[in-house]
Amino acid sequence: MEIPGISTLSTILKRPIELRNDALAQRRELAAELQENCQKLALFLKNAFRIAKQVNEVDSEASEKKIMNLIDDLKHMDSTFMEEESPVLQHLAIDMRFKDFAKSCADFYQSALNLKQLLNENIPDSIALKALCKEEGLLKVTGAWQGELETMLARVNQEYMKVMAIKFSW
């Protein structure tokens, strides 16, 4: 199963840009696409955190399987991300009005990559997952990251609202 938000966001960030005459409209469209995909990714990860809380409850085997599937899905993400290598982020950041939005999207995606690395280091297999669940370490890992996710997404949304409020000027 491939995560729609993760793979799509990565694809958007690496997509080449064909410049149009209506640069502001083009940047707004790109901003809307990036913001929507950050929202989808955040929703997916929030659901994953909810699963992590269920691991210690009644159906722990099913929850453990879902967590292991999440870790497998996260492998579809690129291992590295360089903000300056994204044509989309560069195109947005050239216009100073979009620079903060581009940075917030880059930070959000980098945060998701950090989660991937954190999970891969702490949960390489189902045996490690079971050990973490017994110590309630999984809840600590996901709980701390959930706060970061919410902060990063709030920043993306705040910057998105700013760029959408920009008036067309001729």
N, C-alpha and C. Protein backbone atom coordinates (compact mmCIF):
# COMPACT_ATOMS: atom_id res chain seq x y z
N MET A 1 0.85 -1.19 0.00
CA MET A 1 0.00 0.00 0.00
C MET A 1 0.89 1.24 0.00
N GLU A 2 0.64 2.13 -0.92
CA GLU A 2 1.42 3.36 -0.99
C GLU A 2 0.63 4.49 -0.36
N ILE A 3 1.26 5.31 0.43
CA ILE A 3 0.60 6.40 1.11
C ILE A 3 0.38 7.53 0.12
N PRO A 4 -0.89 7.89 -0.14
CA PRO A 4 -1.14 8.94 -1.13
C PRO A 4 -0.48 10.27 -0.78
N GLY A 5 -0.56 10.71 0.45
CA GLY A 5 0.00 12.00 0.84
C GLY A 5 1.51 12.04 0.73
N ILE A 6 2.17 10.99 1.15
CA ILE A 6 3.63 10.99 1.16
C ILE A 6 4.19 10.95 -0.26
N SER A 7 3.75 10.00 -1.03
CA SER A 7 4.32 9.87 -2.37
C SER A 7 3.93 11.06 -3.25
N THR A 8 2.71 11.56 -3.09
CA THR A 8 2.26 12.68 -3.90
C THR A 8 3.03 13.95 -3.55
N LEU A 9 3.23 14.19 -2.28
CA LEU A 9 3.96 15.39 -1.87
C LEU A 9 5.38 15.35 -2.40
N SER A 10 6.02 14.22 -2.30
CA SER A 10 7.38 14.07 -2.82
C SER A 10 7.40 14.32 -4.33
N THR A 11 6.41 13.80 -5.03
CA THR A 11 6.34 13.98 -6.48
C THR A 11 6.15 15.44 -6.84
N ILE A 12 5.27 16.12 -6.11
CA ILE A 12 5.03 17.54 -6.38
C ILE A 12 6.30 18.35 -6.17
N LEU A 13 6.99 18.08 -5.08
CA LEU A 13 8.19 18.85 -4.76
C LEU A 13 9.27 18.72 -5.82
N LYS A 14 9.32 17.57 -6.49
CA LYS A 14 10.38 17.33 -7.48
C LYS A 14 9.96 17.63 -8.91
N ARG A 15 8.71 17.94 -9.10
CA ARG A 15 8.17 18.17 -10.43
C ARG A 15 8.80 19.42 -11.07
N PRO A 16 9.19 19.34 -12.34
CA PRO A 16 9.72 20.54 -13.01
C PRO A 16 8.59 21.55 -13.24
N ILE A 17 8.94 22.81 -13.28
CA ILE A 17 7.97 23.89 -13.45
C ILE A 17 8.06 24.46 -14.86
N GLU A 18 6.91 24.55 -15.51
CA GLU A 18 6.83 25.25 -16.79
C GLU A 18 6.25 26.62 -16.49
N LEU A 19 7.07 27.65 -16.66
CA LEU A 19 6.65 29.00 -16.34
C LEU A 19 5.51 29.46 -17.22
N ARG A 20 4.55 30.14 -16.58
CA ARG A 20 3.40 30.70 -17.30
C ARG A 20 3.43 32.22 -17.18
N ASN A 21 2.66 32.89 -17.99
CA ASN A 21 2.58 34.36 -17.94
C ASN A 21 1.93 34.84 -16.66
N ASP A 22 1.02 34.07 -16.13
CA ASP A 22 0.30 34.45 -14.91
C ASP A 22 1.00 33.84 -13.69
N ALA A 23 2.15 34.40 -13.35
CA ALA A 23 3.01 33.83 -12.30
C ALA A 23 2.32 33.76 -10.95
N LEU A 24 1.58 34.80 -10.60
CA LEU A 24 0.91 34.79 -9.29
C LEU A 24 -0.14 33.69 -9.22
N ALA A 25 -0.93 33.55 -10.27
CA ALA A 25 -1.94 32.50 -10.30
C ALA A 25 -1.28 31.12 -10.25
N GLN A 26 -0.17 30.96 -10.98
CA GLN A 26 0.55 29.69 -10.98
C GLN A 26 1.08 29.38 -9.58
N ARG A 27 1.64 30.37 -8.90
CA ARG A 27 2.15 30.14 -7.55
C ARG A 27 1.02 29.82 -6.58
N ARG A 28 -0.10 30.47 -6.73
CA ARG A 28 -1.25 30.16 -5.88
C ARG A 28 -1.72 28.73 -6.09
N GLU A 29 -1.76 28.28 -7.33
CA GLU A 29 -2.17 26.91 -7.63
C GLU A 29 -1.20 25.91 -7.00
N LEU A 30 0.08 26.18 -7.13
CA LEU A 30 1.09 25.31 -6.53
C LEU A 30 0.95 25.30 -5.01
N ALA A 31 0.72 26.47 -4.43
CA ALA A 31 0.55 26.57 -2.98
C ALA A 31 -0.67 25.76 -2.52
N ALA A 32 -1.75 25.85 -3.28
CA ALA A 32 -2.96 25.10 -2.92
C ALA A 32 -2.70 23.59 -2.99
N GLU A 33 -1.98 23.17 -4.00
CA GLU A 33 -1.66 21.75 -4.16
C GLU A 33 -0.76 21.25 -3.03
N LEU A 34 0.24 22.03 -2.68
CA LEU A 34 1.14 21.65 -1.59
C LEU A 34 0.40 21.61 -0.25
N GLN A 35 -0.42 22.61 0.00
CA GLN A 35 -1.15 22.67 1.26
C GLN A 35 -2.10 21.49 1.38
N GLU A 36 -2.79 21.15 0.31
CA GLU A 36 -3.72 20.02 0.32
C GLU A 36 -2.99 18.71 0.62
N ASN A 37 -1.83 18.55 0.03
CA ASN A 37 -1.09 17.30 0.25
C ASN A 37 -0.47 17.24 1.64
N CYS A 38 -0.08 18.38 2.19
CA CYS A 38 0.39 18.39 3.59
C CYS A 38 -0.76 17.99 4.51
N GLN A 39 -1.96 18.46 4.21
CA GLN A 39 -3.14 18.11 5.00
C GLN A 39 -3.40 16.60 4.94
N LYS A 40 -3.32 16.02 3.74
CA LYS A 40 -3.55 14.58 3.57
C LYS A 40 -2.52 13.77 4.34
N LEU A 41 -1.28 14.18 4.23
CA LEU A 41 -0.21 13.47 4.93
C LEU A 41 -0.40 13.57 6.44
N ALA A 42 -0.76 14.73 6.92
CA ALA A 42 -0.99 14.93 8.35
C ALA A 42 -2.14 14.05 8.83
N LEU A 43 -3.21 13.98 8.06
CA LEU A 43 -4.35 13.15 8.44
C LEU A 43 -3.95 11.67 8.51
N PHE A 44 -3.18 11.23 7.52
CA PHE A 44 -2.72 9.85 7.52
C PHE A 44 -1.87 9.56 8.76
N LEU A 45 -0.96 10.46 9.08
CA LEU A 45 -0.08 10.24 10.22
C LEU A 45 -0.84 10.32 11.55
N LYS A 46 -1.84 11.20 11.63
CA LYS A 46 -2.65 11.26 12.85
C LYS A 46 -3.39 9.94 13.07
N ASN A 47 -3.88 9.35 11.99
CA ASN A 47 -4.53 8.04 12.10
C ASN A 47 -3.53 6.98 12.57
N ALA A 48 -2.31 7.09 12.10
CA ALA A 48 -1.27 6.15 12.54
C ALA A 48 -0.99 6.30 14.03
N PHE A 49 -1.00 7.53 14.52
CA PHE A 49 -0.77 7.75 15.94
C PHE A 49 -1.91 7.16 16.77
N ARG A 50 -3.12 7.26 16.23
CA ARG A 50 -4.27 6.66 16.92
C ARG A 50 -4.11 5.14 17.02
N ILE A 51 -3.60 4.54 15.96
CA ILE A 51 -3.34 3.09 15.97
C ILE A 51 -2.30 2.76 17.04
N ALA A 52 -1.28 3.60 17.16
CA ALA A 52 -0.22 3.36 18.15
C ALA A 52 -0.80 3.33 19.56
N LYS A 53 -1.78 4.18 19.82
CA LYS A 53 -2.40 4.18 21.15
C LYS A 53 -3.19 2.91 21.41
N GLN A 54 -3.67 2.27 20.35
CA GLN A 54 -4.48 1.07 20.48
C GLN A 54 -3.65 -0.19 20.66
N VAL A 55 -2.36 -0.10 20.45
CA VAL A 55 -1.50 -1.29 20.50
C VAL A 55 -1.61 -2.00 21.85
N ASN A 56 -1.69 -1.23 22.93
CA ASN A 56 -1.75 -1.83 24.25
C ASN A 56 -3.17 -2.23 24.66
N GLU A 57 -4.14 -1.98 23.79
CA GLU A 57 -5.52 -2.30 24.11
C GLU A 57 -5.88 -3.69 23.62
N VAL A 58 -7.19 -3.95 23.46
CA VAL A 58 -7.73 -5.28 23.21
C VAL A 58 -7.07 -6.03 22.05
N ASP A 59 -7.06 -5.45 20.85
CA ASP A 59 -6.57 -6.17 19.68
C ASP A 59 -5.17 -5.72 19.32
N SER A 60 -4.22 -6.04 20.19
CA SER A 60 -2.86 -5.56 19.99
C SER A 60 -2.20 -6.14 18.75
N GLU A 61 -2.52 -7.37 18.38
CA GLU A 61 -1.89 -7.98 17.20
C GLU A 61 -2.28 -7.24 15.93
N ALA A 62 -3.55 -6.89 15.81
CA ALA A 62 -4.00 -6.15 14.62
C ALA A 62 -3.35 -4.77 14.57
N SER A 63 -3.25 -4.12 15.73
CA SER A 63 -2.62 -2.80 15.79
C SER A 63 -1.14 -2.89 15.46
N GLU A 64 -0.47 -3.92 15.97
CA GLU A 64 0.95 -4.10 15.66
C GLU A 64 1.15 -4.29 14.16
N LYS A 65 0.26 -5.06 13.54
CA LYS A 65 0.35 -5.28 12.10
C LYS A 65 0.17 -3.95 11.35
N LYS A 66 -0.77 -3.11 11.80
CA LYS A 66 -0.99 -1.82 11.16
C LYS A 66 0.24 -0.93 11.29
N ILE A 67 0.88 -0.96 12.46
CA ILE A 67 2.09 -0.15 12.66
C ILE A 67 3.21 -0.63 11.74
N MET A 68 3.38 -1.93 11.63
CA MET A 68 4.41 -2.47 10.74
C MET A 68 4.11 -2.10 9.28
N ASN A 69 2.82 -2.10 8.91
CA ASN A 69 2.43 -1.67 7.55
C ASN A 69 2.77 -0.20 7.34
N LEU A 70 2.55 0.63 8.37
CA LEU A 70 2.92 2.04 8.29
C LEU A 70 4.40 2.20 8.02
N ILE A 71 5.20 1.45 8.76
CA ILE A 71 6.65 1.55 8.59
C ILE A 71 7.04 1.13 7.17
N ASP A 72 6.38 0.09 6.66
CA ASP A 72 6.65 -0.33 5.28
C ASP A 72 6.24 0.77 4.30
N ASP A 73 5.09 1.41 4.55
CA ASP A 73 4.63 2.48 3.68
C ASP A 73 5.58 3.66 3.69
N LEU A 74 6.13 3.96 4.85
CA LEU A 74 7.05 5.09 4.96
C LEU A 74 8.32 4.87 4.13
N LYS A 75 8.60 3.63 3.80
CA LYS A 75 9.78 3.35 2.98
C LYS A 75 9.64 3.92 1.57
N HIS A 76 8.39 4.27 1.17
CA HIS A 76 8.17 4.87 -0.14
C HIS A 76 8.65 6.31 -0.20
N MET A 77 8.88 6.90 0.96
CA MET A 77 9.37 8.28 1.00
C MET A 77 10.84 8.31 0.60
N ASP A 78 11.22 9.39 -0.04
CA ASP A 78 12.63 9.58 -0.34
C ASP A 78 13.40 9.66 0.98
N SER A 79 14.59 9.14 0.99
CA SER A 79 15.39 9.15 2.22
C SER A 79 15.95 10.53 2.53
N THR A 80 16.20 11.30 1.50
CA THR A 80 16.76 12.63 1.72
C THR A 80 15.90 13.67 1.01
N PHE A 81 15.97 14.87 1.49
CA PHE A 81 15.22 15.95 0.89
C PHE A 81 16.04 17.22 1.02
N MET A 82 16.31 17.82 -0.10
CA MET A 82 17.05 19.07 -0.11
C MET A 82 16.12 20.15 -0.67
N GLU A 83 15.79 21.09 0.18
CA GLU A 83 14.86 22.16 -0.20
C GLU A 83 15.30 22.87 -1.48
N GLU A 84 16.60 23.12 -1.57
CA GLU A 84 17.12 23.85 -2.73
C GLU A 84 17.08 23.04 -4.02
N GLU A 85 16.78 21.75 -3.95
CA GLU A 85 16.71 20.90 -5.15
C GLU A 85 15.28 20.77 -5.66
N SER A 86 14.31 21.40 -5.01
CA SER A 86 12.92 21.31 -5.43
C SER A 86 12.58 22.48 -6.36
N PRO A 87 12.29 22.17 -7.64
CA PRO A 87 11.91 23.25 -8.57
C PRO A 87 10.66 24.00 -8.10
N VAL A 88 9.72 23.29 -7.50
CA VAL A 88 8.48 23.92 -7.04
C VAL A 88 8.77 24.90 -5.91
N LEU A 89 9.53 24.46 -4.92
CA LEU A 89 9.84 25.34 -3.79
C LEU A 89 10.69 26.53 -4.24
N GLN A 90 11.60 26.30 -5.17
CA GLN A 90 12.41 27.41 -5.69
C GLN A 90 11.53 28.42 -6.42
N HIS A 91 10.60 27.91 -7.22
CA HIS A 91 9.70 28.80 -7.96
C HIS A 91 8.85 29.63 -7.01
N LEU A 92 8.38 29.01 -5.94
CA LEU A 92 7.59 29.75 -4.96
C LEU A 92 8.46 30.77 -4.21
N ALA A 93 9.63 30.35 -3.79
CA ALA A 93 10.48 31.20 -2.95
C ALA A 93 11.08 32.38 -3.70
N ILE A 94 11.15 32.34 -5.01
CA ILE A 94 11.66 33.48 -5.79
C ILE A 94 10.80 34.71 -5.51
N ASP A 95 9.50 34.49 -5.38
CA ASP A 95 8.58 35.57 -5.03
C ASP A 95 8.58 35.68 -3.51
N MET A 96 9.07 36.78 -2.99
CA MET A 96 9.21 36.94 -1.54
C MET A 96 7.89 36.74 -0.79
N ARG A 97 6.78 36.97 -1.46
CA ARG A 97 5.48 36.79 -0.82
C ARG A 97 5.19 35.32 -0.53
N PHE A 98 5.86 34.41 -1.24
CA PHE A 98 5.64 32.98 -1.07
C PHE A 98 6.79 32.28 -0.34
N LYS A 99 7.83 33.03 -0.04
CA LYS A 99 9.04 32.44 0.56
C LYS A 99 8.75 31.72 1.87
N ASP A 100 8.00 32.33 2.78
CA ASP A 100 7.70 31.69 4.07
C ASP A 100 6.83 30.45 3.90
N PHE A 101 5.91 30.50 2.93
CA PHE A 101 5.08 29.33 2.66
C PHE A 101 5.93 28.17 2.16
N ALA A 102 6.83 28.45 1.22
CA ALA A 102 7.71 27.41 0.69
C ALA A 102 8.55 26.80 1.81
N LYS A 103 9.06 27.64 2.70
CA LYS A 103 9.87 27.16 3.81
C LYS A 103 9.04 26.29 4.75
N SER A 104 7.80 26.67 5.02
CA SER A 104 6.96 25.89 5.93
C SER A 104 6.65 24.51 5.33
N CYS A 105 6.44 24.45 4.02
CA CYS A 105 6.20 23.15 3.36
C CYS A 105 7.45 22.28 3.41
N ALA A 106 8.59 22.88 3.16
CA ALA A 106 9.85 22.14 3.22
C ALA A 106 10.08 21.60 4.63
N ASP A 107 9.81 22.41 5.64
CA ASP A 107 9.98 21.96 7.03
C ASP A 107 9.01 20.83 7.37
N PHE A 108 7.79 20.93 6.88
CA PHE A 108 6.79 19.89 7.13
C PHE A 108 7.25 18.56 6.54
N TYR A 109 7.69 18.59 5.29
CA TYR A 109 8.14 17.36 4.63
C TYR A 109 9.39 16.80 5.32
N GLN A 110 10.29 17.67 5.73
CA GLN A 110 11.49 17.22 6.44
C GLN A 110 11.10 16.57 7.76
N SER A 111 10.09 17.10 8.41
CA SER A 111 9.61 16.52 9.66
C SER A 111 9.07 15.11 9.44
N ALA A 112 8.35 14.92 8.34
CA ALA A 112 7.86 13.57 8.01
C ALA A 112 9.03 12.62 7.76
N LEU A 113 10.07 13.10 7.10
CA LEU A 113 11.27 12.27 6.89
C LEU A 113 11.94 11.94 8.22
N ASN A 114 11.92 12.89 9.15
CA ASN A 114 12.49 12.62 10.47
C ASN A 114 11.71 11.53 11.19
N LEU A 115 10.39 11.53 11.04
CA LEU A 115 9.58 10.47 11.63
C LEU A 115 9.95 9.12 11.04
N LYS A 116 10.12 9.11 9.73
CA LYS A 116 10.51 7.86 9.06
C LYS A 116 11.81 7.32 9.66
N GLN A 117 12.79 8.20 9.80
CA GLN A 117 14.08 7.78 10.35
C GLN A 117 13.92 7.31 11.79
N LEU A 118 13.15 8.04 12.57
CA LEU A 118 12.91 7.68 13.97
C LEU A 118 12.27 6.31 14.09
N LEU A 119 11.25 6.05 13.27
CA LEU A 119 10.59 4.74 13.32
C LEU A 119 11.51 3.64 12.83
N ASN A 120 12.26 3.90 11.77
CA ASN A 120 13.17 2.88 11.26
C ASN A 120 14.26 2.52 12.27
N GLU A 121 14.73 3.52 13.03
CA GLU A 121 15.77 3.25 14.03
C GLU A 121 15.22 2.51 15.24
N ASN A 122 13.99 2.86 15.66
CA ASN A 122 13.43 2.28 16.87
C ASN A 122 12.59 1.03 16.65
N ILE A 123 12.09 0.86 15.44
CA ILE A 123 11.22 -0.29 15.17
C ILE A 123 11.65 -0.96 13.86
N PRO A 124 12.78 -1.64 13.86
CA PRO A 124 13.21 -2.29 12.63
C PRO A 124 12.39 -3.53 12.27
N ASP A 125 11.72 -4.13 13.27
CA ASP A 125 10.92 -5.33 13.01
C ASP A 125 9.83 -5.47 14.07
N SER A 126 8.99 -6.50 13.92
CA SER A 126 7.86 -6.68 14.84
C SER A 126 8.31 -7.02 16.26
N ILE A 127 9.48 -7.63 16.40
CA ILE A 127 10.00 -7.94 17.74
C ILE A 127 10.31 -6.65 18.49
N ALA A 128 10.95 -5.71 17.81
CA ALA A 128 11.25 -4.41 18.42
C ALA A 128 9.97 -3.65 18.75
N LEU A 129 8.96 -3.77 17.88
CA LEU A 129 7.69 -3.11 18.13
C LEU A 129 7.05 -3.66 19.40
N LYS A 130 7.05 -4.98 19.56
CA LYS A 130 6.47 -5.59 20.77
C LYS A 130 7.21 -5.13 22.02
N ALA A 131 8.52 -5.04 21.94
CA ALA A 131 9.31 -4.57 23.09
C ALA A 131 8.97 -3.13 23.42
N LEU A 132 8.85 -2.29 22.40
CA LEU A 132 8.49 -0.89 22.63
C LEU A 132 7.09 -0.76 23.24
N CYS A 133 6.18 -1.61 22.79
CA CYS A 133 4.81 -1.55 23.30
C CYS A 133 4.75 -1.93 24.77
N LYS A 134 5.54 -2.91 25.16
CA LYS A 134 5.55 -3.34 26.56
C LYS A 134 6.07 -2.23 27.47
N GLU A 135 7.01 -1.45 26.99
CA GLU A 135 7.59 -0.36 27.78
C GLU A 135 6.84 0.95 27.57
N GLU A 136 5.81 0.95 26.75
CA GLU A 136 5.07 2.14 26.36
C GLU A 136 5.97 3.17 25.68
N GLY A 137 7.06 2.70 25.11
CA GLY A 137 7.98 3.58 24.39
C GLY A 137 7.39 4.08 23.09
N LEU A 138 6.52 3.28 22.48
CA LEU A 138 5.90 3.67 21.22
C LEU A 138 5.03 4.91 21.43
N LEU A 139 4.31 4.94 22.53
CA LEU A 139 3.47 6.10 22.82
C LEU A 139 4.30 7.36 23.03
N LYS A 140 5.48 7.20 23.64
CA LYS A 140 6.36 8.35 23.84
C LYS A 140 6.89 8.86 22.50
N VAL A 141 7.29 7.93 21.64
CA VAL A 141 7.83 8.30 20.33
C VAL A 141 6.76 9.02 19.50
N THR A 142 5.60 8.40 19.39
CA THR A 142 4.56 9.00 18.55
C THR A 142 3.95 10.23 19.21
N GLY A 143 3.85 10.26 20.51
CA GLY A 143 3.30 11.42 21.21
C GLY A 143 4.13 12.66 20.99
N ALA A 144 5.44 12.53 21.09
CA ALA A 144 6.34 13.67 20.88
C ALA A 144 6.26 14.15 19.44
N TRP A 145 6.22 13.21 18.51
CA TRP A 145 6.21 13.60 17.13
C TRP A 145 4.85 14.20 16.73
N GLN A 146 3.77 13.76 17.35
CA GLN A 146 2.45 14.29 17.03
C GLN A 146 2.39 15.79 17.33
N GLY A 147 3.01 16.21 18.42
CA GLY A 147 3.07 17.64 18.73
C GLY A 147 3.81 18.41 17.65
N GLU A 148 4.91 17.85 17.17
CA GLU A 148 5.68 18.51 16.10
C GLU A 148 4.85 18.58 14.82
N LEU A 149 4.16 17.50 14.50
CA LEU A 149 3.32 17.47 13.30
C LEU A 149 2.27 18.58 13.35
N GLU A 150 1.61 18.71 14.47
CA GLU A 150 0.57 19.74 14.60
C GLU A 150 1.15 21.14 14.47
N THR A 151 2.32 21.37 15.04
CA THR A 151 2.96 22.68 14.93
C THR A 151 3.35 22.98 13.49
N MET A 152 3.94 22.00 12.81
CA MET A 152 4.37 22.19 11.42
C MET A 152 3.17 22.42 10.51
N LEU A 153 2.11 21.65 10.69
CA LEU A 153 0.93 21.81 9.84
C LEU A 153 0.26 23.16 10.10
N ALA A 154 0.21 23.59 11.34
CA ALA A 154 -0.38 24.90 11.66
C ALA A 154 0.40 26.01 10.95
N ARG A 155 1.72 25.86 10.89
CA ARG A 155 2.56 26.85 10.21
C ARG A 155 2.30 26.85 8.70
N VAL A 156 2.16 25.65 8.11
CA VAL A 156 1.84 25.56 6.68
C VAL A 156 0.51 26.25 6.42
N ASN A 157 -0.49 25.96 7.25
CA ASN A 157 -1.82 26.54 7.05
C ASN A 157 -1.81 28.06 7.23
N GLN A 158 -1.06 28.53 8.21
CA GLN A 158 -0.97 29.97 8.45
C GLN A 158 -0.33 30.69 7.27
N GLU A 159 0.78 30.14 6.77
CA GLU A 159 1.46 30.74 5.62
C GLU A 159 0.61 30.64 4.36
N TYR A 160 -0.14 29.56 4.25
CA TYR A 160 -1.02 29.38 3.09
C TYR A 160 -2.09 30.47 3.07
N MET A 161 -2.67 30.75 4.22
CA MET A 161 -3.70 31.80 4.30
C MET A 161 -3.11 33.15 3.89
N LYS A 162 -1.87 33.40 4.24
CA LYS A 162 -1.22 34.66 3.87
C LYS A 162 -1.07 34.78 2.35
N VAL A 163 -0.61 33.71 1.72
CA VAL A 163 -0.40 33.80 0.27
C VAL A 163 -1.72 33.84 -0.50
N MET A 164 -2.75 33.25 0.04
CA MET A 164 -4.04 33.30 -0.63
C MET A 164 -4.69 34.67 -0.48
N ALA A 165 -4.24 35.46 0.47
CA ALA A 165 -4.78 36.81 0.68
C ALA A 165 -4.10 37.86 -0.19
N ILE A 166 -3.04 37.45 -0.92
CA ILE A 166 -2.33 38.38 -1.78
C ILE A 166 -3.26 38.83 -2.90
N LYS A 167 -3.31 40.10 -3.11
CA LYS A 167 -4.16 40.68 -4.17
C LYS A 167 -3.41 40.67 -5.50
N PHE A 168 -4.16 40.42 -6.57
CA PHE A 168 -3.56 40.52 -7.89
C PHE A 168 -3.21 41.98 -8.15
N SER A 169 -2.08 42.23 -8.74
CA SER A 169 -1.71 43.61 -9.05
C SER A 169 -1.26 43.71 -10.50
N TRP A 170 -1.67 44.77 -11.11
CA TRP A 170 -1.28 45.00 -12.50
C TRP A 170 -0.57 46.32 -12.61
